[in-house]
C-alpha atoms as a PDB file:
ATOM      1  CA  MET A   1     -37.718  -8.292   6.562  1.00  0.00           C
ATOM      2  CA  LYS A   2     -35.352  -5.348   7.056  1.00  0.00           C
ATOM      3  CA  ILE A   3     -32.078  -5.649   9.028  1.00  0.00           C
ATOM      4  CA  VAL A   4     -30.402  -2.509  10.110  1.00  0.00           C
ATOM      5  CA  SER A   5     -26.839  -1.943  11.380  1.00  0.00           C
ATOM      6  CA  TRP A   6     -25.639   1.237  13.042  1.00  0.00           C
ATOM      7  CA  ASN A   7     -22.581   2.371  15.004  1.00  0.00           C
ATOM      8  CA  VAL A   8     -24.339   4.581  17.417  1.00  0.00           C
ATOM      9  CA  ASN A   9     -21.219   5.946  19.233  1.00  0.00           C
ATOM     10  CA  GLY A  10     -22.985   5.640  22.530  1.00  0.00           C
ATOM     11  CA  LEU A  11     -26.406   4.182  22.944  1.00  0.00           C
ATOM     12  CA  ARG A  12     -27.530   6.348  25.894  1.00  0.00           C
ATOM     13  CA  SER A  13     -27.020   9.609  23.886  1.00  0.00           C
ATOM     14  CA  LEU A  14     -29.629   8.523  21.457  1.00  0.00           C
ATOM     15  CA  GLU A  15     -32.597   8.870  23.783  1.00  0.00           C
ATOM     16  CA  LYS A  16     -31.388  12.177  25.260  1.00  0.00           C
ATOM     17  CA  ASN A  17     -31.501  13.895  21.853  1.00  0.00           C
ATOM     18  CA  ASP A  18     -34.607  12.146  20.535  1.00  0.00           C
ATOM     19  CA  TYR A  19     -32.675  10.354  17.739  1.00  0.00           C
ATOM     20  CA  TRP A  20     -33.966   7.008  18.952  1.00  0.00           C
ATOM     21  CA  GLU A  21     -37.641   7.641  17.955  1.00  0.00           C
ATOM     22  CA  GLU A  22     -36.423   9.288  14.738  1.00  0.00           C
ATOM     23  CA  PHE A  23     -34.420   6.197  13.865  1.00  0.00           C
ATOM     24  CA  LEU A  24     -37.228   3.734  14.537  1.00  0.00           C
ATOM     25  CA  LYS A  25     -39.795   5.721  12.613  1.00  0.00           C
ATOM     26  CA  GLY A  26     -37.528   6.583   9.794  1.00  0.00           C
ATOM     27  CA  VAL A  27     -35.745   3.233   9.109  1.00  0.00           C
ATOM     28  CA  LYS A  28     -38.386   0.787  10.502  1.00  0.00           C
ATOM     29  CA  PRO A  29     -36.170  -2.215  11.297  1.00  0.00           C
ATOM     30  CA  ASP A  30     -37.281  -5.758  11.976  1.00  0.00           C
ATOM     31  CA  ILE A  31     -33.809  -6.599  13.366  1.00  0.00           C
ATOM     32  CA  PHE A  32     -31.298  -4.034  14.257  1.00  0.00           C
ATOM     33  CA  CYS A  33     -27.719  -4.381  15.199  1.00  0.00           C
ATOM     34  CA  LEU A  34     -25.837  -1.643  17.098  1.00  0.00           C
ATOM     35  CA  GLN A  35     -22.175  -1.238  17.658  1.00  0.00           C
ATOM     36  CA  GLU A  36     -20.113   0.964  20.010  1.00  0.00           C
ATOM     37  CA  THR A  37     -23.008   1.065  22.423  1.00  0.00           C
ATOM     38  CA  LYS A  38     -20.649   2.090  25.327  1.00  0.00           C
ATOM     39  CA  ALA A  39     -23.019   0.772  27.918  1.00  0.00           C
ATOM     40  CA  SER A  40     -23.937  -2.358  29.843  1.00  0.00           C
ATOM     41  CA  PRO A  41     -27.636  -3.276  30.195  1.00  0.00           C
ATOM     42  CA  GLU A  42     -27.938  -1.866  33.719  1.00  0.00           C
ATOM     43  CA  GLN A  43     -26.847   1.536  32.365  1.00  0.00           C
ATOM     44  CA  VAL A  44     -29.366   1.558  29.464  1.00  0.00           C
ATOM     45  CA  PRO A  45     -32.740   3.532  29.872  1.00  0.00           C
ATOM     46  CA  GLU A  46     -35.826   1.349  29.777  1.00  0.00           C
ATOM     47  CA  ALA A  47     -37.003   2.674  26.429  1.00  0.00           C
ATOM     48  CA  LEU A  48     -33.650   1.408  24.890  1.00  0.00           C
ATOM     49  CA  LEU A  49     -33.403  -1.800  27.048  1.00  0.00           C
ATOM     50  CA  SER A  50     -36.469  -3.395  25.647  1.00  0.00           C
ATOM     51  CA  PRO A  51     -38.443  -1.473  22.974  1.00  0.00           C
ATOM     52  CA  ALA A  52     -41.928  -2.557  22.367  1.00  0.00           C
ATOM     53  CA  SER A  53     -42.195  -5.761  20.241  1.00  0.00           C
ATOM     54  CA  PHE A  54     -38.396  -6.391  20.272  1.00  0.00           C
ATOM     55  CA  SER A  55     -36.316  -8.897  22.137  1.00  0.00           C
ATOM     56  CA  SER A  56     -32.987  -7.378  23.082  1.00  0.00           C
ATOM     57  CA  PHE A  57     -29.497  -8.739  23.570  1.00  0.00           C
ATOM     58  CA  PHE A  58     -26.398  -7.013  24.752  1.00  0.00           C
ATOM     59  CA  SER A  59     -22.668  -7.679  24.944  1.00  0.00           C
ATOM     60  CA  SER A  60     -20.551  -5.171  26.903  1.00  0.00           C
ATOM     61  CA  SER A  61     -16.814  -4.644  27.453  1.00  0.00           C
ATOM     62  CA  GLN A  62     -15.401  -6.337  30.433  1.00  0.00           C
ATOM     63  CA  VAL A  63     -12.075  -4.493  30.292  1.00  0.00           C
ATOM     64  CA  LYS A  64     -13.277  -0.913  30.459  1.00  0.00           C
ATOM     65  CA  LYS A  65     -16.705   0.724  31.206  1.00  0.00           C
ATOM     66  CA  GLY A  66     -18.262   2.970  28.553  1.00  0.00           C
ATOM     67  CA  TYR A  67     -16.171   1.359  25.831  1.00  0.00           C
ATOM     68  CA  SER A  68     -17.056  -0.825  22.805  1.00  0.00           C
ATOM     69  CA  GLY A  69     -20.092  -2.950  23.104  1.00  0.00           C
ATOM     70  CA  VAL A  70     -22.777  -4.312  20.794  1.00  0.00           C
ATOM     71  CA  ALA A  71     -26.576  -4.814  20.943  1.00  0.00           C
ATOM     72  CA  LEU A  72     -29.040  -6.685  18.904  1.00  0.00           C
ATOM     73  CA  TYR A  73     -32.803  -6.108  18.891  1.00  0.00           C
ATOM     74  CA  SER A  74     -35.178  -8.462  17.029  1.00  0.00           C
ATOM     75  CA  LYS A  75     -38.927  -8.684  16.332  1.00  0.00           C
ATOM     76  CA  VAL A  76     -38.303 -12.221  15.239  1.00  0.00           C
ATOM     77  CA  GLU A  77     -37.249 -14.419  18.250  1.00  0.00           C
ATOM     78  CA  PRO A  78     -33.813 -15.945  17.373  1.00  0.00           C
ATOM     79  CA  TRP A  79     -33.471 -19.655  17.657  1.00  0.00           C
ATOM     80  CA  ASN A  80     -30.066 -19.239  19.382  1.00  0.00           C
ATOM     81  CA  VAL A  81     -27.919 -16.316  20.531  1.00  0.00           C
ATOM     82  CA  ILE A  82     -24.100 -16.395  21.054  1.00  0.00           C
ATOM     83  CA  TYR A  83     -21.795 -13.872  22.582  1.00  0.00           C
ATOM     84  CA  GLY A  84     -18.290 -13.620  21.219  1.00  0.00           C
ATOM     85  CA  MET A  85     -16.119 -16.242  19.310  1.00  0.00           C
ATOM     86  CA  GLY A  86     -15.005 -18.231  22.378  1.00  0.00           C
ATOM     87  CA  ILE A  87     -11.674 -16.426  22.482  1.00  0.00           C
ATOM     88  CA  LYS A  88     -11.169 -14.457  25.676  1.00  0.00           C
ATOM     89  CA  GLU A  89      -8.697 -11.985  24.244  1.00  0.00           C
ATOM     90  CA  PHE A  90     -11.318 -10.791  21.731  1.00  0.00           C
ATOM     91  CA  ASP A  91     -14.621 -11.521  23.656  1.00  0.00           C
ATOM     92  CA  GLN A  92     -13.735  -9.451  26.631  1.00  0.00           C
ATOM     93  CA  GLU A  93     -14.209  -6.186  24.647  1.00  0.00           C
ATOM     94  CA  GLY A  94     -17.879  -7.087  23.862  1.00  0.00           C
ATOM     95  CA  ARG A  95     -17.593  -6.969  20.153  1.00  0.00           C
ATOM     96  CA  ILE A  96     -19.751  -9.677  18.746  1.00  0.00           C
ATOM     97  CA  ILE A  97     -23.375 -11.007  19.092  1.00  0.00           C
ATOM     98  CA  GLY A  98     -24.582 -13.829  16.747  1.00  0.00           C
ATOM     99  CA  ALA A  99     -28.255 -14.786  16.281  1.00  0.00           C
ATOM    100  CA  GLU A 100     -29.441 -17.886  14.577  1.00  0.00           C
ATOM    101  CA  TYR A 101     -32.586 -17.711  12.525  1.00  0.00           C
ATOM    102  CA  GLU A 102     -34.486 -20.332  10.501  1.00  0.00           C
ATOM    103  CA  ASP A 103     -32.600 -19.561   7.280  1.00  0.00           C
ATOM    104  CA  PHE A 104     -29.353 -17.891   8.282  1.00  0.00           C
ATOM    105  CA  TRP A 105     -26.885 -16.858  11.006  1.00  0.00           C
ATOM    106  CA  LEU A 106     -26.642 -13.102  11.570  1.00  0.00           C
ATOM    107  CA  LEU A 107     -23.438 -11.804  13.098  1.00  0.00           C
ATOM    108  CA  ASN A 108     -23.346  -8.289  14.484  1.00  0.00           C
ATOM    109  CA  ALA A 109     -19.745  -7.150  14.935  1.00  0.00           C
ATOM    110  CA  TYR A 110     -17.777  -4.048  16.008  1.00  0.00           C
ATOM    111  CA  PHE A 111     -14.276  -4.613  14.669  1.00  0.00           C
ATOM    112  CA  PRO A 112     -11.327  -2.960  16.371  1.00  0.00           C
ATOM    113  CA  ASN A 113      -9.862   0.309  15.385  1.00  0.00           C
ATOM    114  CA  GLY A 114      -6.148  -0.107  14.328  1.00  0.00           C
ATOM    115  CA  GLY A 115      -5.027   3.193  15.789  1.00  0.00           C
ATOM    116  CA  MET A 116      -3.031   3.858  18.948  1.00  0.00           C
ATOM    117  CA  GLY A 117       0.048   2.040  17.691  1.00  0.00           C
ATOM    118  CA  PRO A 118       1.399  -1.158  16.176  1.00  0.00           C
ATOM    119  CA  GLU A 119       0.127  -3.333  18.981  1.00  0.00           C
ATOM    120  CA  ARG A 120      -3.422  -2.379  18.365  1.00  0.00           C
ATOM    121  CA  LEU A 121      -3.100  -2.747  14.668  1.00  0.00           C
ATOM    122  CA  ASP A 122      -1.828  -6.273  15.303  1.00  0.00           C
ATOM    123  CA  TYR A 123      -4.800  -6.941  17.571  1.00  0.00           C
ATOM    124  CA  LYS A 124      -7.199  -5.786  14.822  1.00  0.00           C
ATOM    125  CA  MET A 125      -5.548  -8.008  12.179  1.00  0.00           C
ATOM    126  CA  ARG A 126      -5.706 -11.074  14.542  1.00  0.00           C
ATOM    127  CA  PHE A 127      -9.305 -10.299  15.302  1.00  0.00           C
ATOM    128  CA  TYR A 128     -10.089 -10.106  11.535  1.00  0.00           C
ATOM    129  CA  ASP A 129      -8.528 -13.558  11.075  1.00  0.00           C
ATOM    130  CA  ALA A 130     -10.254 -15.183  13.961  1.00  0.00           C
ATOM    131  CA  PHE A 131     -13.615 -13.677  12.963  1.00  0.00           C
ATOM    132  CA  LEU A 132     -13.488 -15.067   9.409  1.00  0.00           C
ATOM    133  CA  ALA A 133     -12.558 -18.437  10.726  1.00  0.00           C
ATOM    134  CA  PHE A 134     -15.396 -18.239  13.185  1.00  0.00           C
ATOM    135  CA  ALA A 135     -17.899 -17.198  10.455  1.00  0.00           C
ATOM    136  CA  GLU A 136     -16.827 -20.029   8.134  1.00  0.00           C
ATOM    137  CA  LYS A 137     -17.389 -22.508  11.043  1.00  0.00           C
ATOM    138  CA  LEU A 138     -20.873 -21.262  11.504  1.00  0.00           C
ATOM    139  CA  ARG A 139     -21.399 -21.286   7.757  1.00  0.00           C
ATOM    140  CA  LYS A 140     -21.229 -24.967   7.705  1.00  0.00           C
ATOM    141  CA  GLN A 141     -24.604 -24.911   9.539  1.00  0.00           C
ATOM    142  CA  LYS A 142     -26.446 -22.287   7.361  1.00  0.00           C
ATOM    143  CA  PRO A 143     -25.661 -19.157   5.325  1.00  0.00           C
ATOM    144  CA  ILE A 144     -23.980 -16.194   7.127  1.00  0.00           C
ATOM    145  CA  ILE A 145     -24.912 -12.539   7.060  1.00  0.00           C
ATOM    146  CA  PHE A 146     -22.570 -10.344   8.962  1.00  0.00           C
ATOM    147  CA  CYS A 147     -22.729  -6.578   9.512  1.00  0.00           C
ATOM    148  CA  GLY A 148     -21.194  -3.847  11.438  1.00  0.00           C
ATOM    149  CA  ASP A 149     -18.411  -1.272  11.580  1.00  0.00           C
ATOM    150  CA  VAL A 150     -15.407  -2.981   9.976  1.00  0.00           C
ATOM    151  CA  ASN A 151     -13.281   0.031  10.469  1.00  0.00           C
ATOM    152  CA  THR A 152     -11.697  -0.191   7.078  1.00  0.00           C
ATOM    153  CA  ALA A 153     -12.530   1.259   3.666  1.00  0.00           C
ATOM    154  CA  HIS A 154     -12.086  -1.345   1.003  1.00  0.00           C
ATOM    155  CA  GLU A 155     -11.413   0.556  -2.218  1.00  0.00           C
ATOM    156  CA  GLU A 156     -10.490   4.127  -3.216  1.00  0.00           C
ATOM    157  CA  ILE A 157     -14.122   4.680  -4.152  1.00  0.00           C
ATOM    158  CA  ASP A 158     -15.047   4.067  -0.504  1.00  0.00           C
ATOM    159  CA  LEU A 159     -13.384   7.221   1.026  1.00  0.00           C
ATOM    160  CA  ALA A 160     -13.252  10.832   0.052  1.00  0.00           C
ATOM    161  CA  ARG A 161      -9.449  11.230   0.255  1.00  0.00           C
ATOM    162  CA  PRO A 162      -7.743   7.850  -0.618  1.00  0.00           C
ATOM    163  CA  LYS A 163      -4.364   9.238  -1.501  1.00  0.00           C
ATOM    164  CA  GLU A 164      -3.993  11.196   1.735  1.00  0.00           C
ATOM    165  CA  ASN A 165      -4.922   8.099   3.787  1.00  0.00           C
ATOM    166  CA  GLU A 166      -2.780   5.413   2.205  1.00  0.00           C
ATOM    167  CA  GLU A 167      -0.602   5.175   5.295  1.00  0.00           C
ATOM    168  CA  ASN A 168      -3.378   5.605   7.908  1.00  0.00           C
ATOM    169  CA  THR A 169      -5.203   2.837   9.606  1.00  0.00           C
ATOM    170  CA  GLY A 170      -8.520   2.087   8.138  1.00  0.00           C
ATOM    171  CA  PHE A 171      -7.012   2.176   4.528  1.00  0.00           C
ATOM    172  CA  LEU A 172      -3.790   0.280   5.008  1.00  0.00           C
ATOM    173  CA  PRO A 173      -2.943  -2.363   2.466  1.00  0.00           C
ATOM    174  CA  GLN A 174      -3.158  -5.188   4.980  1.00  0.00           C
ATOM    175  CA  GLU A 175      -6.454  -4.041   6.228  1.00  0.00           C
ATOM    176  CA  ARG A 176      -7.958  -3.823   2.787  1.00  0.00           C
ATOM    177  CA  ALA A 177      -6.440  -7.201   1.833  1.00  0.00           C
ATOM    178  CA  TRP A 178      -8.548  -8.819   4.519  1.00  0.00           C
ATOM    179  CA  ILE A 179     -11.752  -7.556   2.900  1.00  0.00           C
ATOM    180  CA  ASP A 180     -10.311  -9.058  -0.363  1.00  0.00           C
ATOM    181  CA  GLU A 181      -9.965 -12.319   1.557  1.00  0.00           C
ATOM    182  CA  VAL A 182     -13.559 -12.150   2.875  1.00  0.00           C
ATOM    183  CA  ILE A 183     -14.834 -11.669  -0.675  1.00  0.00           C
ATOM    184  CA  ASN A 184     -12.559 -14.469  -1.990  1.00  0.00           C
ATOM    185  CA  SER A 185     -14.081 -16.681   0.638  1.00  0.00           C
ATOM    186  CA  GLY A 186     -17.511 -16.291  -0.981  1.00  0.00           C
ATOM    187  CA  TYR A 187     -18.994 -13.280   0.954  1.00  0.00           C
ATOM    188  CA  ILE A 188     -20.634 -10.498  -1.068  1.00  0.00           C
ATOM    189  CA  ASP A 189     -20.265  -6.861  -0.214  1.00  0.00           C
ATOM    190  CA  SER A 190     -24.031  -6.267  -0.559  1.00  0.00           C
ATOM    191  CA  PHE A 191     -23.838  -2.452  -1.087  1.00  0.00           C
ATOM    192  CA  ARG A 192     -21.396  -2.897  -3.971  1.00  0.00           C
ATOM    193  CA  HIS A 193     -23.519  -5.697  -5.297  1.00  0.00           C
ATOM    194  CA  PHE A 194     -26.475  -3.330  -5.779  1.00  0.00           C
ATOM    195  CA  HIS A 195     -24.450  -0.104  -6.239  1.00  0.00           C
ATOM    196  CA  PRO A 196     -21.186  -1.169  -8.014  1.00  0.00           C
ATOM    197  CA  HIS A 197     -20.111   2.324  -9.227  1.00  0.00           C
ATOM    198  CA  THR A 198     -21.792   4.643  -6.735  1.00  0.00           C
ATOM    199  CA  ALA A 199     -19.185   7.192  -5.506  1.00  0.00           C
ATOM    200  CA  LYS A 200     -19.393   9.633  -2.448  1.00  0.00           C
ATOM    201  CA  ALA A 201     -21.399   7.058  -0.606  1.00  0.00           C
ATOM    202  CA  TYR A 202     -20.021   7.033   2.988  1.00  0.00           C
ATOM    203  CA  THR A 203     -21.215   5.829   6.403  1.00  0.00           C
ATOM    204  CA  TYR A 204     -18.682   7.665   8.703  1.00  0.00           C
ATOM    205  CA  TRP A 205     -17.669  11.301   9.004  1.00  0.00           C
ATOM    206  CA  ASP A 206     -15.291  12.945  11.480  1.00  0.00           C
ATOM    207  CA  MET A 207     -17.401  15.111  13.879  1.00  0.00           C
ATOM    208  CA  LYS A 208     -14.537  17.327  14.929  1.00  0.00           C
ATOM    209  CA  THR A 209     -14.076  18.774  11.528  1.00  0.00           C
ATOM    210  CA  ARG A 210     -17.815  18.767  10.588  1.00  0.00           C
ATOM    211  CA  ALA A 211     -16.887  16.472   7.705  1.00  0.00           C
ATOM    212  CA  ARG A 212     -20.403  15.381   7.217  1.00  0.00           C
ATOM    213  CA  ASP A 213     -21.455  18.843   6.203  1.00  0.00           C
ATOM    214  CA  ARG A 214     -18.955  18.482   3.261  1.00  0.00           C
ATOM    215  CA  ASN A 215     -19.486  14.777   2.808  1.00  0.00           C
ATOM    216  CA  VAL A 216     -15.705  14.099   3.486  1.00  0.00           C
ATOM    217  CA  GLY A 217     -16.308  10.477   4.670  1.00  0.00           C
ATOM    218  CA  TRP A 218     -15.497   6.823   4.686  1.00  0.00           C
ATOM    219  CA  ARG A 219     -17.506   3.763   4.007  1.00  0.00           C
ATOM    220  CA  LEU A 220     -16.618   1.646   7.089  1.00  0.00           C
ATOM    221  CA  ASP A 221     -19.958  -0.130   7.675  1.00  0.00           C
ATOM    222  CA  TYR A 222     -20.985  -3.142   5.667  1.00  0.00           C
ATOM    223  CA  PHE A 223     -23.408  -6.024   5.153  1.00  0.00           C
ATOM    224  CA  PHE A 224     -21.643  -9.073   3.885  1.00  0.00           C
ATOM    225  CA  VAL A 225     -23.824 -11.960   2.646  1.00  0.00           C
ATOM    226  CA  ALA A 226     -22.681 -15.492   1.925  1.00  0.00           C
ATOM    227  CA  HIS A 227     -22.904 -15.823  -1.882  1.00  0.00           C
ATOM    228  CA  GLU A 228     -25.371 -18.814  -1.526  1.00  0.00           C
ATOM    229  CA  PHE A 229     -27.757 -16.490   0.165  1.00  0.00           C
ATOM    230  CA  ILE A 230     -27.599 -13.323  -2.037  1.00  0.00           C
ATOM    231  CA  LYS A 231     -30.613 -14.363  -4.088  1.00  0.00           C
ATOM    232  CA  HIS A 232     -32.760 -13.604  -1.005  1.00  0.00           C
ATOM    233  CA  ILE A 233     -31.483  -9.983  -0.737  1.00  0.00           C
ATOM    234  CA  LYS A 234     -33.638  -7.193  -2.394  1.00  0.00           C
ATOM    235  CA  LYS A 235     -31.883  -4.046  -1.272  1.00  0.00           C
ATOM    236  CA  SER A 236     -28.811  -2.722   0.482  1.00  0.00           C
ATOM    237  CA  GLU A 237     -29.064   0.898   1.429  1.00  0.00           C
ATOM    238  CA  MET A 238     -27.473   3.740   3.464  1.00  0.00           C
ATOM    239  CA  HIS A 239     -29.650   6.063   5.608  1.00  0.00           C
ATOM    240  CA  THR A 240     -27.647   9.233   5.513  1.00  0.00           C
ATOM    241  CA  ASP A 241     -30.642  11.353   6.600  1.00  0.00           C
ATOM    242  CA  ILE A 242     -30.498   9.752  10.034  1.00  0.00           C
ATOM    243  CA  TYR A 243     -28.326  11.643  12.608  1.00  0.00           C
ATOM    244  CA  GLY A 244     -27.209  10.933  16.086  1.00  0.00           C
ATOM    245  CA  SER A 245     -23.757   9.490  15.626  1.00  0.00           C
ATOM    246  CA  ASP A 246     -20.655   9.993  13.497  1.00  0.00           C
ATOM    247  CA  HIS A 247     -21.907   6.961  11.508  1.00  0.00           C
ATOM    248  CA  CYS A 248     -25.197   6.536   9.668  1.00  0.00           C
ATOM    249  CA  PRO A 249     -27.310   3.413   9.692  1.00  0.00           C
ATOM    250  CA  ILE A 250     -27.262   0.922   6.836  1.00  0.00           C
ATOM    251  CA  SER A 251     -29.898  -1.559   5.937  1.00  0.00           C
ATOM    252  CA  LEU A 252     -30.406  -4.939   4.128  1.00  0.00           C
ATOM    253  CA  THR A 253     -33.881  -5.961   2.919  1.00  0.00           C
ATOM    254  CA  LEU A 254     -34.619  -9.693   2.514  1.00  0.00           C
END
C-alpha cells in the first residue's frame, strides 16, 4: 500500500494544468492526503471530487473561502473518518481529516503557518500542542501515522539556508523543539529513518524567486509513524519530479 501526502496549493489548479493525471500516473497512490486545497466540495470539479475507484473526504475552512482545507482519497474504505480535533478554534480552518483503517489511524494535517505576526505564531504553537495530545489519545486505540505540511524544518540539513533563517518562522527554536517533542513521544520521522544523512532533500520551494530551479528549499512535509508500527514501513520517498505546486508529493510504502 502506498500513502501519498501533498500540499497542492489549490486543488482546482491541478486539473486546469493537467497536473492531476500526471500525479496519479506518476505516483500511483492507494491513499492520498492533500493539504491547502483552498476549496469546498461544491467548488471542486467532478474529476477531482470523486476519482474512479477512490472514496473522497473533504474538510474546508469555515472562516474564509479559498483558504486552507484538506482532502483524503482512499481506495481502501476507511472504518471511520473524523474531521478536526473537537476544538472549534482549530477545526474551523479545515486543517485535519483522520481515517481509521484496520491496523492504524491516519491523520492528514495542514499545520498553520507562523507568519503574519506573534498572534499567528502563538496560534501555531497551540495547534501543535493540541494536535500531539489528540494523536496520543487516538494512539491508545491503534498505531498512528500522521502526514502533511508541518510548516517547520526540523534540522539544519532540512533547509538550504539555515543560518539566514534562524529568526524566521518555519525554523524558530520553539517550532523545531515541537518536532523534538513529537520524536521523544515515540514518533519516527520516516524520511530520516530511511535517509538519515541525505542532504539537499526538500519538499517546498518559493515560487516567486524560482527557488525550485536552484533547489533552494525547505523540508516542510513529513510522514511521522508511531515507533510500534515502523516495522511495517518499506519506503519513505519524495517525488520531486511531480510539479503543480510549490510543494512536491511525498510517499510512504507499507
